[in-house]
Each structure stands twice: as C-alpha cells, then as structure tokens.
PDB file of all heavy atoms in Angstrom:
ATOM      1  N   GLY A   1       2.385  30.050  67.055  1.00  0.00           N
ATOM      2  CA  GLY A   1       3.779  29.858  67.350  1.00  0.00           C
ATOM      3  C   GLY A   1       4.029  28.801  68.406  1.00  0.00           C
ATOM      4  O   GLY A   1       5.133  28.797  68.989  1.00  0.00           O
ATOM      5  N   LYS A   2       3.101  27.940  68.650  1.00  0.00           N
ATOM      6  CA  LYS A   2       3.222  26.898  69.638  1.00  0.00           C
ATOM      7  C   LYS A   2       2.573  25.616  69.096  1.00  0.00           C
ATOM      8  O   LYS A   2       1.661  25.662  68.308  1.00  0.00           O
ATOM      9  CB  LYS A   2       2.492  27.308  70.958  1.00  0.00           C
ATOM     10  CG  LYS A   2       2.896  28.658  71.468  1.00  0.00           C
ATOM     11  CD  LYS A   2       1.950  29.053  72.627  1.00  0.00           C
ATOM     12  CE  LYS A   2       2.103  30.503  72.995  1.00  0.00           C
ATOM     13  NZ  LYS A   2       3.482  30.900  73.338  1.00  0.00           N
ATOM     14  N   ARG A   3       3.114  24.418  69.599  1.00  0.00           N
ATOM     15  CA  ARG A   3       2.597  23.213  69.079  1.00  0.00           C
ATOM     16  C   ARG A   3       2.475  22.192  70.194  1.00  0.00           C
ATOM     17  O   ARG A   3       3.037  22.323  71.238  1.00  0.00           O
ATOM     18  CB  ARG A   3       3.427  22.656  67.905  1.00  0.00           C
ATOM     19  CG  ARG A   3       4.884  22.220  68.419  1.00  0.00           C
ATOM     20  CD  ARG A   3       5.729  21.944  67.152  1.00  0.00           C
ATOM     21  NE  ARG A   3       5.293  20.833  66.377  1.00  0.00           N
ATOM     22  CZ  ARG A   3       5.550  19.548  66.657  1.00  0.00           C
ATOM     23  NH1 ARG A   3       6.228  19.227  67.781  1.00  0.00           N
ATOM     24  NH2 ARG A   3       5.084  18.565  65.905  1.00  0.00           N
ATOM     25  N   LYS A   4       1.582  21.220  69.945  1.00  0.00           N
ATOM     26  CA  LYS A   4       1.400  20.063  70.841  1.00  0.00           C
ATOM     27  C   LYS A   4       2.636  19.179  70.741  1.00  0.00           C
ATOM     28  O   LYS A   4       3.186  19.167  69.583  1.00  0.00           O
ATOM     29  CB  LYS A   4       0.125  19.298  70.445  1.00  0.00           C
ATOM     30  CG  LYS A   4      -1.163  20.119  70.604  1.00  0.00           C
ATOM     31  CD  LYS A   4      -2.369  19.349  70.100  1.00  0.00           C
ATOM     32  CE  LYS A   4      -2.325  19.207  68.581  1.00  0.00           C
ATOM     33  NZ  LYS A   4      -3.593  18.620  67.992  1.00  0.00           N
ATOM     34  N   PRO A   5       3.068  18.403  71.671  1.00  0.00           N
ATOM     35  CA  PRO A   5       2.401  18.188  72.935  1.00  0.00           C
ATOM     36  C   PRO A   5       2.887  18.976  74.133  1.00  0.00           C
ATOM     37  O   PRO A   5       2.767  18.629  75.276  1.00  0.00           O
ATOM     38  CB  PRO A   5       2.731  16.699  73.189  1.00  0.00           C
ATOM     39  CG  PRO A   5       4.180  16.575  72.664  1.00  0.00           C
ATOM     40  CD  PRO A   5       4.178  17.539  71.455  1.00  0.00           C
ATOM     41  N   HIS A   6       3.568  20.166  73.805  1.00  0.00           N
ATOM     42  CA  HIS A   6       4.212  20.934  74.909  1.00  0.00           C
ATOM     43  C   HIS A   6       3.217  21.429  75.899  1.00  0.00           C
ATOM     44  O   HIS A   6       2.121  21.997  75.595  1.00  0.00           O
ATOM     45  CB  HIS A   6       4.963  22.090  74.337  1.00  0.00           C
ATOM     46  CG  HIS A   6       6.082  21.645  73.333  1.00  0.00           C
ATOM     47  ND1 HIS A   6       6.982  20.682  73.632  1.00  0.00           N
ATOM     48  CD2 HIS A   6       6.318  22.013  72.030  1.00  0.00           C
ATOM     49  CE1 HIS A   6       7.769  20.529  72.597  1.00  0.00           C
ATOM     50  NE2 HIS A   6       7.359  21.249  71.597  1.00  0.00           N
ATOM     51  N   LYS A   7       3.491  21.253  77.132  1.00  0.00           N
ATOM     52  CA  LYS A   7       2.701  21.646  78.291  1.00  0.00           C
ATOM     53  C   LYS A   7       2.336  23.155  78.150  1.00  0.00           C
ATOM     54  O   LYS A   7       1.180  23.530  78.392  1.00  0.00           O
ATOM     55  CB  LYS A   7       3.433  21.379  79.582  1.00  0.00           C
ATOM     56  CG  LYS A   7       2.793  21.817  80.837  1.00  0.00           C
ATOM     57  CD  LYS A   7       3.591  21.297  82.050  1.00  0.00           C
ATOM     58  CE  LYS A   7       3.034  21.807  83.405  1.00  0.00           C
ATOM     59  NZ  LYS A   7       3.539  23.170  83.662  1.00  0.00           N
ATOM     60  N   GLU A   8       3.316  23.956  77.785  1.00  0.00           N
ATOM     61  CA  GLU A   8       3.086  25.394  77.678  1.00  0.00           C
ATOM     62  C   GLU A   8       2.048  25.743  76.617  1.00  0.00           C
ATOM     63  O   GLU A   8       1.295  26.776  76.746  1.00  0.00           O
ATOM     64  CB  GLU A   8       4.396  26.126  77.318  1.00  0.00           C
ATOM     65  CG  GLU A   8       5.488  25.975  78.362  1.00  0.00           C
ATOM     66  CD  GLU A   8       6.187  24.605  78.362  1.00  0.00           C
ATOM     67  OE1 GLU A   8       6.045  23.875  77.355  1.00  0.00           O
ATOM     68  OE2 GLU A   8       6.852  24.312  79.358  1.00  0.00           O
ATOM     69  N   THR A   9       1.975  24.904  75.593  1.00  0.00           N
ATOM     70  CA  THR A   9       0.930  25.140  74.511  1.00  0.00           C
ATOM     71  C   THR A   9      -0.470  25.038  75.045  1.00  0.00           C
ATOM     72  O   THR A   9      -1.304  25.874  74.873  1.00  0.00           O
ATOM     73  CB  THR A   9       1.153  24.168  73.354  1.00  0.00           C
ATOM     74  OG1 THR A   9       2.491  24.343  72.831  1.00  0.00           O
ATOM     75  CG2 THR A   9       0.120  24.421  72.225  1.00  0.00           C
ATOM     76  N   PHE A  10      -0.688  23.919  75.794  1.00  0.00           N
ATOM     77  CA  PHE A  10      -1.976  23.661  76.357  1.00  0.00           C
ATOM     78  C   PHE A  10      -2.353  24.775  77.420  1.00  0.00           C
ATOM     79  O   PHE A  10      -3.532  25.220  77.443  1.00  0.00           O
ATOM     80  CB  PHE A  10      -2.083  22.300  76.996  1.00  0.00           C
ATOM     81  CG  PHE A  10      -2.041  21.126  76.039  1.00  0.00           C
ATOM     82  CD1 PHE A  10      -0.881  20.353  75.944  1.00  0.00           C
ATOM     83  CD2 PHE A  10      -3.119  20.880  75.257  1.00  0.00           C
ATOM     84  CE1 PHE A  10      -0.849  19.315  75.084  1.00  0.00           C
ATOM     85  CE2 PHE A  10      -3.129  19.814  74.347  1.00  0.00           C
ATOM     86  CZ  PHE A  10      -1.931  19.021  74.221  1.00  0.00           C
ATOM     87  N   GLU A  11      -1.386  25.128  78.223  1.00  0.00           N
ATOM     88  CA  GLU A  11      -1.666  26.207  79.193  1.00  0.00           C
ATOM     89  C   GLU A  11      -2.033  27.513  78.530  1.00  0.00           C
ATOM     90  O   GLU A  11      -2.958  28.189  78.980  1.00  0.00           O
ATOM     91  CB  GLU A  11      -0.385  26.380  80.076  1.00  0.00           C
ATOM     92  CG  GLU A  11      -0.186  25.233  81.048  1.00  0.00           C
ATOM     93  CD  GLU A  11       1.154  25.308  81.783  1.00  0.00           C
ATOM     94  OE1 GLU A  11       2.055  25.985  81.272  1.00  0.00           O
ATOM     95  OE2 GLU A  11       1.311  24.726  82.898  1.00  0.00           O
ATOM     96  N   TRP A  12      -1.279  27.863  77.471  1.00  0.00           N
ATOM     97  CA  TRP A  12      -1.516  29.101  76.786  1.00  0.00           C
ATOM     98  C   TRP A  12      -2.957  29.082  76.140  1.00  0.00           C
ATOM     99  O   TRP A  12      -3.714  30.088  76.223  1.00  0.00           O
ATOM    100  CB  TRP A  12      -0.530  29.322  75.712  1.00  0.00           C
ATOM    101  CG  TRP A  12      -0.610  30.676  75.014  1.00  0.00           C
ATOM    102  CD1 TRP A  12       0.046  31.833  75.378  1.00  0.00           C
ATOM    103  CD2 TRP A  12      -1.378  30.971  73.841  1.00  0.00           C
ATOM    104  NE1 TRP A  12      -0.343  32.806  74.455  1.00  0.00           N
ATOM    105  CE2 TRP A  12      -1.182  32.326  73.553  1.00  0.00           C
ATOM    106  CE3 TRP A  12      -2.233  30.201  73.043  1.00  0.00           C
ATOM    107  CZ2 TRP A  12      -1.787  32.983  72.475  1.00  0.00           C
ATOM    108  CZ3 TRP A  12      -2.837  30.883  71.919  1.00  0.00           C
ATOM    109  CH2 TRP A  12      -2.610  32.183  71.649  1.00  0.00           C
ATOM    110  N   VAL A  13      -3.283  27.985  75.478  1.00  0.00           N
ATOM    111  CA  VAL A  13      -4.625  27.883  74.871  1.00  0.00           C
ATOM    112  C   VAL A  13      -5.755  27.904  75.837  1.00  0.00           C
ATOM    113  O   VAL A  13      -6.727  28.647  75.633  1.00  0.00           O
ATOM    114  CB  VAL A  13      -4.688  26.554  74.009  1.00  0.00           C
ATOM    115  CG1 VAL A  13      -6.155  26.295  73.509  1.00  0.00           C
ATOM    116  CG2 VAL A  13      -3.729  26.676  72.812  1.00  0.00           C
ATOM    117  N   LEU A  14      -5.619  27.193  76.927  1.00  0.00           N
ATOM    118  CA  LEU A  14      -6.681  27.188  77.950  1.00  0.00           C
ATOM    119  C   LEU A  14      -6.864  28.594  78.592  1.00  0.00           C
ATOM    120  O   LEU A  14      -7.975  29.009  78.850  1.00  0.00           O
ATOM    121  CB  LEU A  14      -6.386  26.181  79.076  1.00  0.00           C
ATOM    122  CG  LEU A  14      -6.599  24.668  78.645  1.00  0.00           C
ATOM    123  CD1 LEU A  14      -6.280  23.825  79.842  1.00  0.00           C
ATOM    124  CD2 LEU A  14      -8.016  24.478  78.245  1.00  0.00           C
ATOM    125  N   ASN A  15      -5.777  29.255  78.768  1.00  0.00           N
ATOM    126  CA  ASN A  15      -5.807  30.644  79.333  1.00  0.00           C
ATOM    127  C   ASN A  15      -6.591  31.551  78.347  1.00  0.00           C
ATOM    128  O   ASN A  15      -7.439  32.331  78.791  1.00  0.00           O
ATOM    129  CB  ASN A  15      -4.416  31.178  79.603  1.00  0.00           C
ATOM    130  CG  ASN A  15      -4.446  32.570  80.184  1.00  0.00           C
ATOM    131  OD1 ASN A  15      -4.883  32.768  81.312  1.00  0.00           O
ATOM    132  ND2 ASN A  15      -3.932  33.566  79.432  1.00  0.00           N
ATOM    133  N   ASP A  16      -6.342  31.381  77.057  1.00  0.00           N
ATOM    134  CA  ASP A  16      -6.981  32.245  76.091  1.00  0.00           C
ATOM    135  C   ASP A  16      -8.491  31.863  75.988  1.00  0.00           C
ATOM    136  O   ASP A  16      -9.352  32.736  75.798  1.00  0.00           O
ATOM    137  CB  ASP A  16      -6.317  32.055  74.695  1.00  0.00           C
ATOM    138  CG  ASP A  16      -6.853  33.041  73.645  1.00  0.00           C
ATOM    139  OD1 ASP A  16      -6.340  34.235  73.754  1.00  0.00           O
ATOM    140  OD2 ASP A  16      -7.689  32.698  72.813  1.00  0.00           O
ATOM    141  N   MET A  17      -8.737  30.540  76.130  1.00  0.00           N
ATOM    142  CA  MET A  17     -10.171  30.070  76.088  1.00  0.00           C
ATOM    143  C   MET A  17     -10.896  30.547  77.329  1.00  0.00           C
ATOM    144  O   MET A  17     -12.118  30.755  77.249  1.00  0.00           O
ATOM    145  CB  MET A  17     -10.237  28.582  76.060  1.00  0.00           C
ATOM    146  CG  MET A  17      -9.775  27.935  74.695  1.00  0.00           C
ATOM    147  SD  MET A  17      -9.505  26.118  74.852  1.00  0.00           S
ATOM    148  CE  MET A  17     -11.141  25.593  75.507  1.00  0.00           C
ATOM    149  N   GLY A  18     -10.129  30.667  78.443  1.00  0.00           N
ATOM    150  CA  GLY A  18     -10.823  31.136  79.692  1.00  0.00           C
ATOM    151  C   GLY A  18     -11.436  30.031  80.507  1.00  0.00           C
ATOM    152  O   GLY A  18     -12.402  30.224  81.264  1.00  0.00           O
ATOM    153  N   TYR A  19     -10.825  28.819  80.390  1.00  0.00           N
ATOM    154  CA  TYR A  19     -11.305  27.646  81.148  1.00  0.00           C
ATOM    155  C   TYR A  19     -10.246  27.021  81.914  1.00  0.00           C
ATOM    156  O   TYR A  19      -9.039  27.008  81.546  1.00  0.00           O
ATOM    157  CB  TYR A  19     -11.967  26.627  80.181  1.00  0.00           C
ATOM    158  CG  TYR A  19     -13.181  27.041  79.528  1.00  0.00           C
ATOM    159  CD1 TYR A  19     -13.170  27.561  78.248  1.00  0.00           C
ATOM    160  CD2 TYR A  19     -14.435  26.828  80.135  1.00  0.00           C
ATOM    161  CE1 TYR A  19     -14.393  27.963  77.588  1.00  0.00           C
ATOM    162  CE2 TYR A  19     -15.600  27.246  79.513  1.00  0.00           C
ATOM    163  CZ  TYR A  19     -15.552  27.774  78.230  1.00  0.00           C
ATOM    164  OH  TYR A  19     -16.747  28.164  77.634  1.00  0.00           O
ATOM    165  N   ALA A  20     -10.621  26.367  83.006  1.00  0.00           N
ATOM    166  CA  ALA A  20      -9.686  25.538  83.802  1.00  0.00           C
ATOM    167  C   ALA A  20      -9.569  24.176  83.121  1.00  0.00           C
ATOM    168  O   ALA A  20     -10.524  23.770  82.448  1.00  0.00           O
ATOM    169  CB  ALA A  20     -10.174  25.400  85.256  1.00  0.00           C
ATOM    170  N   PRO A  21      -8.410  23.448  83.282  1.00  0.00           N
ATOM    171  CA  PRO A  21      -8.284  22.168  82.615  1.00  0.00           C
ATOM    172  C   PRO A  21      -9.409  21.172  82.937  1.00  0.00           C
ATOM    173  O   PRO A  21      -9.808  20.403  82.029  1.00  0.00           O
ATOM    174  CB  PRO A  21      -6.916  21.637  83.161  1.00  0.00           C
ATOM    175  CG  PRO A  21      -6.162  22.874  83.530  1.00  0.00           C
ATOM    176  CD  PRO A  21      -7.239  23.872  84.022  1.00  0.00           C
ATOM    177  N   GLU A  22      -9.858  21.111  84.183  1.00  0.00           N
ATOM    178  CA  GLU A  22     -10.813  20.160  84.534  1.00  0.00           C
ATOM    179  C   GLU A  22     -12.221  20.458  83.911  1.00  0.00           C
ATOM    180  O   GLU A  22     -13.105  19.574  83.953  1.00  0.00           O
ATOM    181  CB  GLU A  22     -11.010  20.071  86.077  1.00  0.00           C
ATOM    182  CG  GLU A  22     -11.356  21.421  86.713  1.00  0.00           C
ATOM    183  CD  GLU A  22     -10.203  22.233  87.167  1.00  0.00           C
ATOM    184  OE1 GLU A  22      -9.063  22.029  86.677  1.00  0.00           O
ATOM    185  OE2 GLU A  22     -10.380  23.091  88.077  1.00  0.00           O
ATOM    186  N   ASP A  23     -12.326  21.616  83.311  1.00  0.00           N
ATOM    187  CA  ASP A  23     -13.638  21.971  82.661  1.00  0.00           C
ATOM    188  C   ASP A  23     -13.677  21.631  81.171  1.00  0.00           C
ATOM    189  O   ASP A  23     -14.713  21.867  80.468  1.00  0.00           O
ATOM    190  CB  ASP A  23     -13.931  23.469  82.877  1.00  0.00           C
ATOM    191  CG  ASP A  23     -14.157  23.824  84.308  1.00  0.00           C
ATOM    192  OD1 ASP A  23     -14.625  22.939  85.092  1.00  0.00           O
ATOM    193  OD2 ASP A  23     -13.860  24.906  84.754  1.00  0.00           O
ATOM    194  N   VAL A  24     -12.564  21.140  80.646  1.00  0.00           N
ATOM    195  CA  VAL A  24     -12.435  20.966  79.206  1.00  0.00           C
ATOM    196  C   VAL A  24     -12.172  19.512  78.828  1.00  0.00           C
ATOM    197  O   VAL A  24     -11.367  18.876  79.547  1.00  0.00           O
ATOM    198  CB  VAL A  24     -11.276  21.894  78.677  1.00  0.00           C
ATOM    199  CG1 VAL A  24     -11.078  21.634  77.125  1.00  0.00           C
ATOM    200  CG2 VAL A  24     -11.568  23.322  78.957  1.00  0.00           C
ATOM    201  N   LEU A  25     -12.730  19.020  77.754  1.00  0.00           N
ATOM    202  CA  LEU A  25     -12.398  17.693  77.226  1.00  0.00           C
ATOM    203  C   LEU A  25     -11.650  17.878  75.926  1.00  0.00           C
ATOM    204  O   LEU A  25     -12.095  18.586  75.031  1.00  0.00           O
ATOM    205  CB  LEU A  25     -13.699  16.889  76.955  1.00  0.00           C
ATOM    206  CG  LEU A  25     -13.495  15.502  76.314  1.00  0.00           C
ATOM    207  CD1 LEU A  25     -12.681  14.619  77.230  1.00  0.00           C
ATOM    208  CD2 LEU A  25     -14.792  14.876  75.910  1.00  0.00           C
ATOM    209  N   PHE A  26     -10.449  17.290  75.847  1.00  0.00           N
ATOM    210  CA  PHE A  26      -9.572  17.350  74.696  1.00  0.00           C
ATOM    211  C   PHE A  26      -9.731  16.090  73.874  1.00  0.00           C
ATOM    212  O   PHE A  26      -9.467  14.977  74.429  1.00  0.00           O
ATOM    213  CB  PHE A  26      -8.135  17.562  75.168  1.00  0.00           C
ATOM    214  CG  PHE A  26      -7.083  17.575  74.097  1.00  0.00           C
ATOM    215  CD1 PHE A  26      -7.242  18.376  72.941  1.00  0.00           C
ATOM    216  CD2 PHE A  26      -5.947  16.789  74.185  1.00  0.00           C
ATOM    217  CE1 PHE A  26      -6.281  18.381  71.947  1.00  0.00           C
ATOM    218  CE2 PHE A  26      -4.974  16.794  73.195  1.00  0.00           C
ATOM    219  CZ  PHE A  26      -5.124  17.616  72.130  1.00  0.00           C
ATOM    220  N   ILE A  27     -10.095  16.181  72.603  1.00  0.00           N
ATOM    221  CA  ILE A  27     -10.304  14.996  71.756  1.00  0.00           C
ATOM    222  C   ILE A  27      -9.146  14.926  70.750  1.00  0.00           C
ATOM    223  O   ILE A  27      -8.983  15.796  69.959  1.00  0.00           O
ATOM    224  CB  ILE A  27     -11.607  15.089  71.000  1.00  0.00           C
ATOM    225  CG1 ILE A  27     -12.809  15.231  72.011  1.00  0.00           C
ATOM    226  CG2 ILE A  27     -11.902  13.819  70.170  1.00  0.00           C
ATOM    227  CD1 ILE A  27     -13.273  16.664  72.195  1.00  0.00           C
ATOM    228  N   GLU A  28      -8.344  13.870  70.854  1.00  0.00           N
ATOM    229  CA  GLU A  28      -7.090  13.788  70.119  1.00  0.00           C
ATOM    230  C   GLU A  28      -6.749  12.361  69.699  1.00  0.00           C
ATOM    231  O   GLU A  28      -7.044  11.417  70.470  1.00  0.00           O
ATOM    232  CB  GLU A  28      -5.960  14.345  70.997  1.00  0.00           C
ATOM    233  CG  GLU A  28      -4.569  14.126  70.571  1.00  0.00           C
ATOM    234  CD  GLU A  28      -4.162  14.897  69.385  1.00  0.00           C
ATOM    235  OE1 GLU A  28      -4.226  16.150  69.353  1.00  0.00           O
ATOM    236  OE2 GLU A  28      -3.762  14.233  68.388  1.00  0.00           O
ATOM    237  N   ASP A  29      -6.094  12.175  68.519  1.00  0.00           N
ATOM    238  CA  ASP A  29      -5.824  10.819  68.092  1.00  0.00           C
ATOM    239  C   ASP A  29      -4.296  10.453  68.280  1.00  0.00           C
ATOM    240  O   ASP A  29      -3.939   9.272  68.072  1.00  0.00           O
ATOM    241  CB  ASP A  29      -6.134  10.601  66.602  1.00  0.00           C
ATOM    242  CG  ASP A  29      -5.217  11.426  65.674  1.00  0.00           C
ATOM    243  OD1 ASP A  29      -4.965  12.615  65.930  1.00  0.00           O
ATOM    244  OD2 ASP A  29      -4.722  10.863  64.680  1.00  0.00           O
ATOM    245  N   SER A  30      -3.446  11.391  68.710  1.00  0.00           N
ATOM    246  CA  SER A  30      -2.040  11.126  68.884  1.00  0.00           C
ATOM    247  C   SER A  30      -1.769  10.854  70.335  1.00  0.00           C
ATOM    248  O   SER A  30      -1.944  11.749  71.204  1.00  0.00           O
ATOM    249  CB  SER A  30      -1.141  12.346  68.404  1.00  0.00           C
ATOM    250  OG  SER A  30      -1.383  12.490  67.043  1.00  0.00           O
ATOM    251  N   PRO A  31      -1.252   9.700  70.703  1.00  0.00           N
ATOM    252  CA  PRO A  31      -0.974   9.377  72.110  1.00  0.00           C
ATOM    253  C   PRO A  31      -0.018  10.351  72.784  1.00  0.00           C
ATOM    254  O   PRO A  31      -0.191  10.636  73.979  1.00  0.00           O
ATOM    255  CB  PRO A  31      -0.388   7.955  72.025  1.00  0.00           C
ATOM    256  CG  PRO A  31      -0.089   7.636  70.601  1.00  0.00           C
ATOM    257  CD  PRO A  31      -0.926   8.553  69.797  1.00  0.00           C
ATOM    258  N   GLN A  32       0.990  10.829  72.052  1.00  0.00           N
ATOM    259  CA  GLN A  32       1.927  11.765  72.675  1.00  0.00           C
ATOM    260  C   GLN A  32       1.278  13.094  73.063  1.00  0.00           C
ATOM    261  O   GLN A  32       1.650  13.753  74.017  1.00  0.00           O
ATOM    262  CB  GLN A  32       3.185  11.996  71.803  1.00  0.00           C
ATOM    263  CG  GLN A  32       2.904  12.745  70.470  1.00  0.00           C
ATOM    264  CD  GLN A  32       2.577  11.808  69.325  1.00  0.00           C
ATOM    265  OE1 GLN A  32       2.026  10.722  69.538  1.00  0.00           O
ATOM    266  NE2 GLN A  32       2.934  12.227  68.118  1.00  0.00           N
ATOM    267  N   HIS A  33       0.277  13.448  72.273  1.00  0.00           N
ATOM    268  CA  HIS A  33      -0.425  14.715  72.586  1.00  0.00           C
ATOM    269  C   HIS A  33      -1.424  14.554  73.731  1.00  0.00           C
ATOM    270  O   HIS A  33      -1.614  15.475  74.546  1.00  0.00           O
ATOM    271  CB  HIS A  33      -1.161  15.226  71.332  1.00  0.00           C
ATOM    272  CG  HIS A  33      -0.287  15.546  70.195  1.00  0.00           C
ATOM    273  ND1 HIS A  33      -0.732  15.771  68.894  1.00  0.00           N
ATOM    274  CD2 HIS A  33       1.064  15.744  70.178  1.00  0.00           C
ATOM    275  CE1 HIS A  33       0.265  16.054  68.123  1.00  0.00           C
ATOM    276  NE2 HIS A  33       1.389  16.052  68.846  1.00  0.00           N
ATOM    277  N   ILE A  34      -1.998  13.349  73.832  1.00  0.00           N
ATOM    278  CA  ILE A  34      -2.819  12.964  74.975  1.00  0.00           C
ATOM    279  C   ILE A  34      -2.009  13.082  76.238  1.00  0.00           C
ATOM    280  O   ILE A  34      -2.416  13.656  77.242  1.00  0.00           O
ATOM    281  CB  ILE A  34      -3.446  11.554  74.790  1.00  0.00           C
ATOM    282  CG1 ILE A  34      -4.512  11.525  73.695  1.00  0.00           C
ATOM    283  CG2 ILE A  34      -3.963  11.045  76.115  1.00  0.00           C
ATOM    284  CD1 ILE A  34      -5.817  12.197  74.052  1.00  0.00           C
ATOM    285  N   GLU A  35      -0.802  12.529  76.209  1.00  0.00           N
ATOM    286  CA  GLU A  35       0.076  12.559  77.394  1.00  0.00           C
ATOM    287  C   GLU A  35       0.430  13.953  77.777  1.00  0.00           C
ATOM    288  O   GLU A  35       0.523  14.309  78.934  1.00  0.00           O
ATOM    289  CB  GLU A  35       1.353  11.703  77.147  1.00  0.00           C
ATOM    290  CG  GLU A  35       1.065  10.220  77.089  1.00  0.00           C
ATOM    291  CD  GLU A  35       0.350   9.720  78.302  1.00  0.00           C
ATOM    292  OE1 GLU A  35       0.784   9.997  79.440  1.00  0.00           O
ATOM    293  OE2 GLU A  35      -0.699   9.003  78.106  1.00  0.00           O
ATOM    294  N   GLY A  36       0.692  14.818  76.764  1.00  0.00           N
ATOM    295  CA  GLY A  36       1.022  16.235  77.025  1.00  0.00           C
ATOM    296  C   GLY A  36      -0.139  16.919  77.685  1.00  0.00           C
ATOM    297  O   GLY A  36       0.052  17.701  78.618  1.00  0.00           O
ATOM    298  N   ALA A  37      -1.355  16.628  77.219  1.00  0.00           N
ATOM    299  CA  ALA A  37      -2.535  17.250  77.824  1.00  0.00           C
ATOM    300  C   ALA A  37      -2.752  16.816  79.250  1.00  0.00           C
ATOM    301  O   ALA A  37      -3.203  17.603  80.117  1.00  0.00           O
ATOM    302  CB  ALA A  37      -3.783  16.893  76.979  1.00  0.00           C
ATOM    303  N   LYS A  38      -2.472  15.566  79.516  1.00  0.00           N
ATOM    304  CA  LYS A  38      -2.668  15.024  80.887  1.00  0.00           C
ATOM    305  C   LYS A  38      -1.716  15.713  81.921  1.00  0.00           C
ATOM    306  O   LYS A  38      -2.050  15.755  83.090  1.00  0.00           O
ATOM    307  CB  LYS A  38      -2.422  13.490  80.884  1.00  0.00           C
ATOM    308  CG  LYS A  38      -3.586  12.665  80.307  1.00  0.00           C
ATOM    309  CD  LYS A  38      -3.272  11.205  80.350  1.00  0.00           C
ATOM    310  CE  LYS A  38      -4.420  10.409  79.794  1.00  0.00           C
ATOM    311  NZ  LYS A  38      -4.122   8.930  79.774  1.00  0.00           N
ATOM    312  N   LYS A  39      -0.635  16.187  81.439  1.00  0.00           N
ATOM    313  CA  LYS A  39       0.338  16.847  82.334  1.00  0.00           C
ATOM    314  C   LYS A  39      -0.266  18.144  82.961  1.00  0.00           C
ATOM    315  O   LYS A  39       0.247  18.581  83.985  1.00  0.00           O
ATOM    316  CB  LYS A  39       1.620  17.180  81.593  1.00  0.00           C
ATOM    317  CG  LYS A  39       2.484  15.939  81.297  1.00  0.00           C
ATOM    318  CD  LYS A  39       3.731  16.273  80.524  1.00  0.00           C
ATOM    319  CE  LYS A  39       4.542  15.055  80.200  1.00  0.00           C
ATOM    320  NZ  LYS A  39       5.783  15.311  79.423  1.00  0.00           N
ATOM    321  N   ILE A  40      -1.245  18.719  82.387  1.00  0.00           N
ATOM    322  CA  ILE A  40      -1.902  19.884  82.977  1.00  0.00           C
ATOM    323  C   ILE A  40      -3.296  19.544  83.457  1.00  0.00           C
ATOM    324  O   ILE A  40      -4.159  20.409  83.670  1.00  0.00           O
ATOM    325  CB  ILE A  40      -1.933  21.098  81.985  1.00  0.00           C
ATOM    326  CG1 ILE A  40      -2.811  20.849  80.801  1.00  0.00           C
ATOM    327  CG2 ILE A  40      -0.542  21.508  81.586  1.00  0.00           C
ATOM    328  CD1 ILE A  40      -3.331  22.121  80.150  1.00  0.00           C
ATOM    329  N   ASN A  41      -3.571  18.219  83.579  1.00  0.00           N
ATOM    330  CA  ASN A  41      -4.839  17.708  84.101  1.00  0.00           C
ATOM    331  C   ASN A  41      -6.036  17.970  83.152  1.00  0.00           C
ATOM    332  O   ASN A  41      -7.203  18.123  83.691  1.00  0.00           O
ATOM    333  CB  ASN A  41      -5.120  18.312  85.487  1.00  0.00           C
ATOM    334  CG  ASN A  41      -4.062  17.830  86.494  1.00  0.00           C
ATOM    335  OD1 ASN A  41      -3.661  16.657  86.475  1.00  0.00           O
ATOM    336  ND2 ASN A  41      -3.577  18.780  87.263  1.00  0.00           N
TER     337      ASN A  41
END
C-alpha cells in the first residue's frame, strides 16, 4: 500500500528490513525514485 518515491515508503521498507539507510544500496533506474531515496540518506 505504498509506492516510490515517497520518503515514507523507503522508511517503512528499511524498518521492516531491519537496516539503517547508510547500510543499504538501492539500485534503481528512475531518477525521481533515486531522489526520493536520497532524502533518507
């Protein structure tokens, strides 16, 4: 029930994964989604 590039989506997914943003590499082809991911570092 959540989609990229919303900041809340990345935060929710990382919390469920159990990792901090700096510990994860996000591989993506859409520039707007890259920008959304960068907002949470």
